Structure formats: C-alpha cells, structure tokens
C-alpha cells in the first residue's frame, strides 16, 4: 500500500509540474510544509462541509477569486449536483499527497461514498495570502475504476 501511495505522489508531482504555466515552469515544486497541509485540509474540509449542508454561498466562498470570476455560483452548484454528488453525501474524507510551489498547491483527497473510495486532485492557489480552490478533478484508473 505504501508503494502505491509513493507512485501516486510521484505521479501527482509530475502532473503538477507539467501543468504549470510557462512562467512557472522552473518554479520549485516540493512537498507541502506541515502548516500548508493543515491549512489546505482545513480549507477543503470546510468547503465540503458547506456542500453537505447545501450552504452554496459558503461553499463557493472557499473557491479562488479567479474561479469565482470565471464560474457563477449557479454553475458551481449545478456542477456539484450533477458530477460531484458524492461530495454532498460522503461518508468521510482522507488526505494524501500535497505538493506546492510559490503560488499553488495540489492536494489528493479520497472521498468515501457508499463503500467506494473516490479520489480527487484539488488545485488551490494562493493570492495575496488568500487560499482558494481552483479545481477538483476526479482521478480514475485506466480501467475506469477510481484510483
């Protein structure tokens, strides 16, 4: 099991580094500090908690300002209700690898839902010392099962 976690962590590091804009292409990507990881876990947990309570305004407030400029609260709500319903009715969360550079953080989150573990890769940004969720993408294995 530890080997799988290491493979996921390395894959996450490579994906994170390759997805950065050219201006950040040479930024140092490293594991999150303990303080960063705690802040990210708290931030994501609060957003998911708001989703489970159908408090859409509060859940949306944990999104980055750039995300809020691009995606309305109505689209945010509709997307979660149609594609991420497992967040609303989750049976627990787990937090895996966390990597960061100067302005962004990537965090793996496992969501327990009806006996199935679903893995999300959260992308967060830090702008003016404000942490915000930019994305949450489900990671699926090649055979279609969740990672």
Protein backbone atom coordinates (compact mmCIF):
# COMPACT_ATOMS: atom_id res chain seq x y z
CA UNK A 1 0.00 0.00 0.00
CA UNK A 2 2.88 2.36 0.78
CA UNK A 3 4.34 1.76 -2.69
CA UNK A 4 1.01 2.76 -4.29
CA UNK A 5 0.99 5.97 -2.24
CA UNK A 6 4.54 6.72 -3.38
CA UNK A 7 3.59 6.12 -7.02
CA UNK A 8 0.56 8.40 -6.66
CA UNK A 9 2.72 11.08 -5.03
CA UNK A 10 5.31 10.94 -7.83
CA UNK A 11 2.56 10.96 -10.48
CA UNK A 12 0.98 13.95 -8.77
CA UNK A 13 4.32 15.78 -8.69
CA UNK A 14 4.89 15.14 -12.40
CA UNK A 15 1.33 16.13 -13.35
CA UNK A 16 1.50 19.23 -11.19
CA UNK A 17 4.84 20.32 -12.64
CA UNK A 18 3.77 19.68 -16.23
CA UNK A 19 0.50 21.61 -15.83
CA UNK A 20 2.12 24.85 -14.73
CA UNK A 21 2.16 27.89 -16.97
CA UNK A 22 5.46 28.58 -18.77
CA UNK A 23 6.23 31.46 -16.38
CA UNK A 24 6.22 28.94 -13.53
CA UNK A 25 7.90 26.14 -15.45
CA UNK A 26 11.08 26.45 -13.42
CA UNK A 27 9.43 27.03 -10.04
CA UNK A 28 10.46 24.63 -7.34
CA UNK A 29 7.74 22.06 -6.63
CA UNK A 30 8.07 20.39 -3.27
CA UNK A 31 6.02 18.58 -0.65
CA UNK A 32 3.78 20.88 1.38
CA UNK A 33 5.02 22.03 4.76
CA UNK A 34 3.04 20.80 7.77
CA UNK A 35 1.46 24.26 8.12
CA UNK A 36 0.47 24.34 4.44
CA UNK A 37 -1.01 20.85 4.61
CA UNK A 38 -3.03 21.70 7.73
CA UNK A 39 -4.35 24.91 6.13
CA UNK A 40 -5.28 23.07 2.91
CA UNK A 41 -7.02 20.24 4.78
CA UNK A 42 -8.98 22.75 6.86
CA UNK A 43 -9.93 24.77 3.75
CA UNK A 44 -11.10 21.77 1.68
CA UNK A 45 -12.92 20.22 4.66
CA UNK A 46 -14.81 23.45 5.30
CA UNK A 47 -15.82 23.69 1.64
CA UNK A 48 -17.06 20.08 1.57
CA UNK A 49 -18.84 20.58 4.91
CA UNK A 50 -20.69 23.56 3.41
CA UNK A 51 -21.62 21.44 0.38
CA UNK A 52 -23.05 18.68 2.60
CA UNK A 53 -25.21 21.34 4.32
CA UNK A 54 -26.34 22.82 0.97
CA UNK A 55 -24.79 26.11 2.03
CA UNK A 56 -23.79 27.02 -1.51
CA UNK A 57 -22.77 30.60 -0.76
CA UNK A 58 -20.31 29.45 1.92
CA UNK A 59 -19.03 26.54 -0.22
CA UNK A 60 -18.47 28.93 -3.13
CA UNK A 61 -16.59 31.34 -0.86
CA UNK A 62 -13.79 28.76 -0.50
CA UNK A 63 -13.17 28.97 -4.26
CA UNK A 64 -10.39 31.20 -5.55
CA UNK A 65 -11.28 34.68 -6.75
CA UNK A 66 -10.18 33.70 -10.27
CA UNK A 67 -12.57 30.73 -10.16
CA UNK A 68 -15.39 32.98 -8.93
CA UNK A 69 -14.78 35.40 -11.81
CA UNK A 70 -14.96 32.55 -14.34
CA UNK A 71 -17.74 30.40 -12.83
CA UNK A 72 -21.00 31.68 -11.36
CA UNK A 73 -22.39 30.27 -8.12
CA UNK A 74 -25.27 28.77 -10.12
CA UNK A 75 -22.87 26.84 -12.39
CA UNK A 76 -20.80 25.81 -9.35
CA UNK A 77 -23.90 24.41 -7.64
CA UNK A 78 -25.18 22.66 -10.78
CA UNK A 79 -21.78 21.07 -11.44
CA UNK A 80 -21.52 19.65 -7.93
CA UNK A 81 -25.10 18.36 -8.00
CA UNK A 82 -24.57 16.64 -11.36
CA UNK A 83 -20.93 15.49 -11.33
CA UNK A 84 -19.80 15.53 -7.68
CA UNK A 85 -22.89 14.34 -5.79
CA UNK A 86 -20.59 12.07 -3.76
CA UNK A 87 -19.26 15.20 -2.02
CA UNK A 88 -22.75 16.02 -0.73
CA UNK A 89 -23.33 12.56 0.74
CA UNK A 90 -19.82 11.46 1.66
CA UNK A 91 -19.03 9.01 4.44
CA UNK A 92 -15.63 10.52 5.23
CA UNK A 93 -12.54 12.12 3.76
CA UNK A 94 -8.88 11.15 3.57
CA UNK A 95 -5.97 13.37 2.60
CA UNK A 96 -2.96 12.13 0.67
CA UNK A 97 -0.04 13.76 -1.09
CA UNK A 98 0.27 17.53 -1.07
CA UNK A 99 2.74 19.46 -3.24
CA UNK A 100 3.27 23.17 -3.73
CA UNK A 101 5.19 25.87 -5.48
CA UNK A 102 5.18 29.60 -4.68
CA UNK A 103 1.61 30.31 -5.80
CA UNK A 104 -0.24 27.00 -5.96
CA UNK A 105 -0.91 23.77 -4.11
CA UNK A 106 -2.14 20.38 -5.27
CA UNK A 107 -3.79 18.04 -2.75
CA UNK A 108 -5.09 14.48 -3.17
CA UNK A 109 -8.38 13.83 -1.39
CA UNK A 110 -10.13 10.48 -1.01
CA UNK A 111 -13.90 10.62 -0.55
CA UNK A 112 -15.72 7.61 0.90
CA UNK A 113 -19.10 7.26 -0.79
CA UNK A 114 -21.34 4.23 -0.41
CA UNK A 115 -18.42 1.88 0.17
CA UNK A 116 -16.38 3.22 -2.75
CA UNK A 117 -13.33 5.44 -2.41
CA UNK A 118 -13.24 8.25 -4.98
CA UNK A 119 -10.00 10.19 -5.45
CA UNK A 120 -9.91 13.88 -6.30
CA UNK A 121 -6.96 16.07 -7.15
CA UNK A 122 -7.62 19.53 -5.75
CA UNK A 123 -5.83 22.53 -7.22
CA UNK A 124 -5.59 25.58 -4.98
CA UNK A 125 -3.99 28.95 -5.46
CA UNK A 126 -2.55 31.45 -3.04
CA UNK A 127 -3.13 35.09 -3.99
CA UNK A 128 -2.40 37.88 -1.50
CA UNK A 129 -2.13 35.23 1.24
CA UNK A 130 -5.67 34.02 0.41
CA UNK A 131 -6.09 30.29 -0.22
CA UNK A 132 -8.73 29.36 -2.79
CA UNK A 133 -9.89 26.23 -4.62
CA UNK A 134 -9.36 26.44 -8.38
CA UNK A 135 -10.32 22.88 -9.32
CA UNK A 136 -11.23 19.41 -8.13
CA UNK A 137 -10.77 16.65 -10.68
CA UNK A 138 -11.64 13.03 -10.15
CA UNK A 139 -8.77 10.64 -10.82
CA UNK A 140 -9.78 7.37 -12.45
CA UNK A 141 -7.60 4.42 -13.36
CA UNK A 142 -7.26 3.30 -16.96
CA UNK A 143 -9.88 0.56 -16.49
CA UNK A 144 -12.45 3.18 -15.45
CA UNK A 145 -12.33 2.42 -11.74
CA UNK A 146 -11.40 5.11 -9.28
CA UNK A 147 -7.73 5.41 -8.43
